[in-house]
Amino acid sequence: MLYDPAKINALITDLEGYRTAITTERNNADDASKRLLGQAWQSGDAGASAAFSQKHNTLMTDMDDLLHILGKGIENVRAALEKAQATDQNVADDFVW
């Protein structure tokens, strides 16, 4: 066995923690943007609000893409661990007489 399941599970836990933290920050940024844009539209500064909104939307898209990639990475690590453990079991079964 060339891998340590405990370390891989710790990696998965870390990745899930990152996903949770990024999701929280994404939601906080989106909420703050809505409040800020609401105030800006009321002040009549539509040009600056539109520019900010465009940049914010780009950031939200980037964060959503990052969360998708992170989620896919977590799935792939889990699948690799499961496959490795299944292979270990198959090899072990070959030596049972």
C-alpha atoms as a PDB file:
ATOM      1  CA  MET A   1       0.000   0.000   0.000  1.00  0.00           C
ATOM      2  CA  LEU A   2       1.587   3.264  -1.122  1.00  0.00           C
ATOM      3  CA  TYR A   3      -1.018   5.577   0.349  1.00  0.00           C
ATOM      4  CA  ASP A   4      -2.255   6.468   3.793  1.00  0.00           C
ATOM      5  CA  PRO A   5      -6.071   6.429   3.977  1.00  0.00           C
ATOM      6  CA  ALA A   6      -6.052   8.615   7.098  1.00  0.00           C
ATOM      7  CA  LYS A   7      -4.053  11.315   5.321  1.00  0.00           C
ATOM      8  CA  ILE A   8      -6.290  11.123   2.274  1.00  0.00           C
ATOM      9  CA  ASN A   9      -9.379  11.458   4.467  1.00  0.00           C
ATOM     10  CA  ALA A  10      -7.710  14.446   6.156  1.00  0.00           C
ATOM     11  CA  LEU A  11      -7.142  15.943   2.690  1.00  0.00           C
ATOM     12  CA  ILE A  12     -10.813  15.446   1.859  1.00  0.00           C
ATOM     13  CA  THR A  13     -11.779  17.125   5.139  1.00  0.00           C
ATOM     14  CA  ASP A  14      -9.482  20.061   4.344  1.00  0.00           C
ATOM     15  CA  LEU A  15     -10.913  20.412   0.831  1.00  0.00           C
ATOM     16  CA  GLU A  16     -14.464  20.338   2.202  1.00  0.00           C
ATOM     17  CA  GLY A  17     -13.476  23.024   4.716  1.00  0.00           C
ATOM     18  CA  TYR A  18     -12.112  25.181   1.897  1.00  0.00           C
ATOM     19  CA  ARG A  19     -15.333  24.679  -0.048  1.00  0.00           C
ATOM     20  CA  THR A  20     -17.403  25.712   2.968  1.00  0.00           C
ATOM     21  CA  ALA A  21     -15.253  28.794   3.603  1.00  0.00           C
ATOM     22  CA  ILE A  22     -15.317  29.862  -0.051  1.00  0.00           C
ATOM     23  CA  THR A  23     -19.082  29.341  -0.216  1.00  0.00           C
ATOM     24  CA  THR A  24     -19.536  31.477   2.890  1.00  0.00           C
ATOM     25  CA  GLU A  25     -17.338  34.256   1.489  1.00  0.00           C
ATOM     26  CA  ARG A  26     -19.115  34.083  -1.859  1.00  0.00           C
ATOM     27  CA  ASN A  27     -22.492  34.467  -0.168  1.00  0.00           C
ATOM     28  CA  ASN A  28     -21.221  37.313   2.032  1.00  0.00           C
ATOM     29  CA  ALA A  29     -19.826  39.124  -1.017  1.00  0.00           C
ATOM     30  CA  ASP A  30     -23.080  38.677  -2.903  1.00  0.00           C
ATOM     31  CA  ASP A  31     -25.143  39.986   0.022  1.00  0.00           C
ATOM     32  CA  ALA A  32     -22.816  42.966   0.472  1.00  0.00           C
ATOM     33  CA  SER A  33     -22.989  43.711  -3.241  1.00  0.00           C
ATOM     34  CA  LYS A  34     -26.776  43.759  -3.185  1.00  0.00           C
ATOM     35  CA  ARG A  35     -26.779  46.195  -0.266  1.00  0.00           C
ATOM     36  CA  LEU A  36     -24.126  48.384  -1.879  1.00  0.00           C
ATOM     37  CA  LEU A  37     -25.847  48.431  -5.259  1.00  0.00           C
ATOM     38  CA  GLY A  38     -29.158  49.262  -3.588  1.00  0.00           C
ATOM     39  CA  GLN A  39     -27.565  52.299  -1.957  1.00  0.00           C
ATOM     40  CA  ALA A  40     -25.733  53.338  -5.130  1.00  0.00           C
ATOM     41  CA  TRP A  41     -28.853  53.187  -7.303  1.00  0.00           C
ATOM     42  CA  GLN A  42     -30.665  55.345  -4.756  1.00  0.00           C
ATOM     43  CA  SER A  43     -27.851  57.910  -4.861  1.00  0.00           C
ATOM     44  CA  GLY A  44     -28.163  58.185  -8.639  1.00  0.00           C
ATOM     45  CA  ASP A  45     -24.654  56.984  -9.470  1.00  0.00           C
ATOM     46  CA  ALA A  46     -25.782  54.495 -12.101  1.00  0.00           C
ATOM     47  CA  GLY A  47     -22.501  54.460 -14.073  1.00  0.00           C
ATOM     48  CA  ALA A  48     -20.343  53.417 -11.139  1.00  0.00           C
ATOM     49  CA  SER A  49     -22.970  50.928 -10.036  1.00  0.00           C
ATOM     50  CA  ALA A  50     -23.058  49.309 -13.453  1.00  0.00           C
ATOM     51  CA  ALA A  51     -19.264  49.016 -13.561  1.00  0.00           C
ATOM     52  CA  PHE A  52     -19.174  47.547 -10.062  1.00  0.00           C
ATOM     53  CA  SER A  53     -22.011  45.169 -10.887  1.00  0.00           C
ATOM     54  CA  GLN A  54     -20.174  43.880 -13.947  1.00  0.00           C
ATOM     55  CA  LYS A  55     -16.966  43.245 -11.978  1.00  0.00           C
ATOM     56  CA  HIS A  56     -18.935  41.647  -9.155  1.00  0.00           C
ATOM     57  CA  ASN A  57     -20.740  39.316 -11.543  1.00  0.00           C
ATOM     58  CA  THR A  58     -17.392  38.268 -13.024  1.00  0.00           C
ATOM     59  CA  LEU A  59     -16.088  37.551  -9.525  1.00  0.00           C
ATOM     60  CA  MET A  60     -19.185  35.507  -8.646  1.00  0.00           C
ATOM     61  CA  THR A  61     -18.808  33.478 -11.849  1.00  0.00           C
ATOM     62  CA  ASP A  62     -15.146  32.840 -11.039  1.00  0.00           C
ATOM     63  CA  MET A  63     -16.024  31.768  -7.497  1.00  0.00           C
ATOM     64  CA  ASP A  64     -18.787  29.482  -8.766  1.00  0.00           C
ATOM     65  CA  ASP A  65     -16.306  27.914 -11.206  1.00  0.00           C
ATOM     66  CA  LEU A  66     -13.782  27.466  -8.387  1.00  0.00           C
ATOM     67  CA  LEU A  67     -16.414  25.812  -6.199  1.00  0.00           C
ATOM     68  CA  HIS A  68     -17.359  23.487  -9.044  1.00  0.00           C
ATOM     69  CA  ILE A  69     -13.724  22.501  -9.626  1.00  0.00           C
ATOM     70  CA  LEU A  70     -13.163  22.025  -5.904  1.00  0.00           C
ATOM     71  CA  GLY A  71     -16.264  19.840  -5.638  1.00  0.00           C
ATOM     72  CA  LYS A  72     -15.110  17.764  -8.598  1.00  0.00           C
ATOM     73  CA  GLY A  73     -11.686  17.415  -6.999  1.00  0.00           C
ATOM     74  CA  ILE A  74     -13.242  16.147  -3.778  1.00  0.00           C
ATOM     75  CA  GLU A  75     -15.287  13.605  -5.740  1.00  0.00           C
ATOM     76  CA  ASN A  76     -12.176  12.440  -7.629  1.00  0.00           C
ATOM     77  CA  VAL A  77     -10.104  12.037  -4.458  1.00  0.00           C
ATOM     78  CA  ARG A  78     -12.904  10.037  -2.833  1.00  0.00           C
ATOM     79  CA  ALA A  79     -13.258   7.843  -5.918  1.00  0.00           C
ATOM     80  CA  ALA A  80      -9.504   7.233  -6.061  1.00  0.00           C
ATOM     81  CA  LEU A  81      -9.443   6.249  -2.388  1.00  0.00           C
ATOM     82  CA  GLU A  82     -12.373   3.888  -2.838  1.00  0.00           C
ATOM     83  CA  LYS A  83     -10.739   2.319  -5.888  1.00  0.00           C
ATOM     84  CA  ALA A  84      -7.417   1.902  -4.083  1.00  0.00           C
ATOM     85  CA  GLN A  85      -9.116   0.305  -1.095  1.00  0.00           C
ATOM     86  CA  ALA A  86     -11.094  -2.034  -3.354  1.00  0.00           C
ATOM     87  CA  THR A  87      -7.891  -3.000  -5.147  1.00  0.00           C
ATOM     88  CA  ASP A  88      -6.224  -3.681  -1.789  1.00  0.00           C
ATOM     89  CA  GLN A  89      -9.125  -5.942  -0.850  1.00  0.00           C
ATOM     90  CA  ASN A  90      -8.970  -7.795  -4.170  1.00  0.00           C
ATOM     91  CA  VAL A  91      -5.246  -8.377  -3.770  1.00  0.00           C
ATOM     92  CA  ALA A  92      -5.757  -9.527  -0.182  1.00  0.00           C
ATOM     93  CA  ASP A  93      -8.489 -11.908  -1.344  1.00  0.00           C
ATOM     94  CA  ASP A  94      -6.039 -13.452  -3.815  1.00  0.00           C
ATOM     95  CA  PHE A  95      -3.889 -14.602  -0.907  1.00  0.00           C
ATOM     96  CA  VAL A  96      -6.700 -16.216   1.067  1.00  0.00           C
ATOM     97  CA  TRP A  97      -6.493 -19.980   0.652  1.00  0.00           C
END
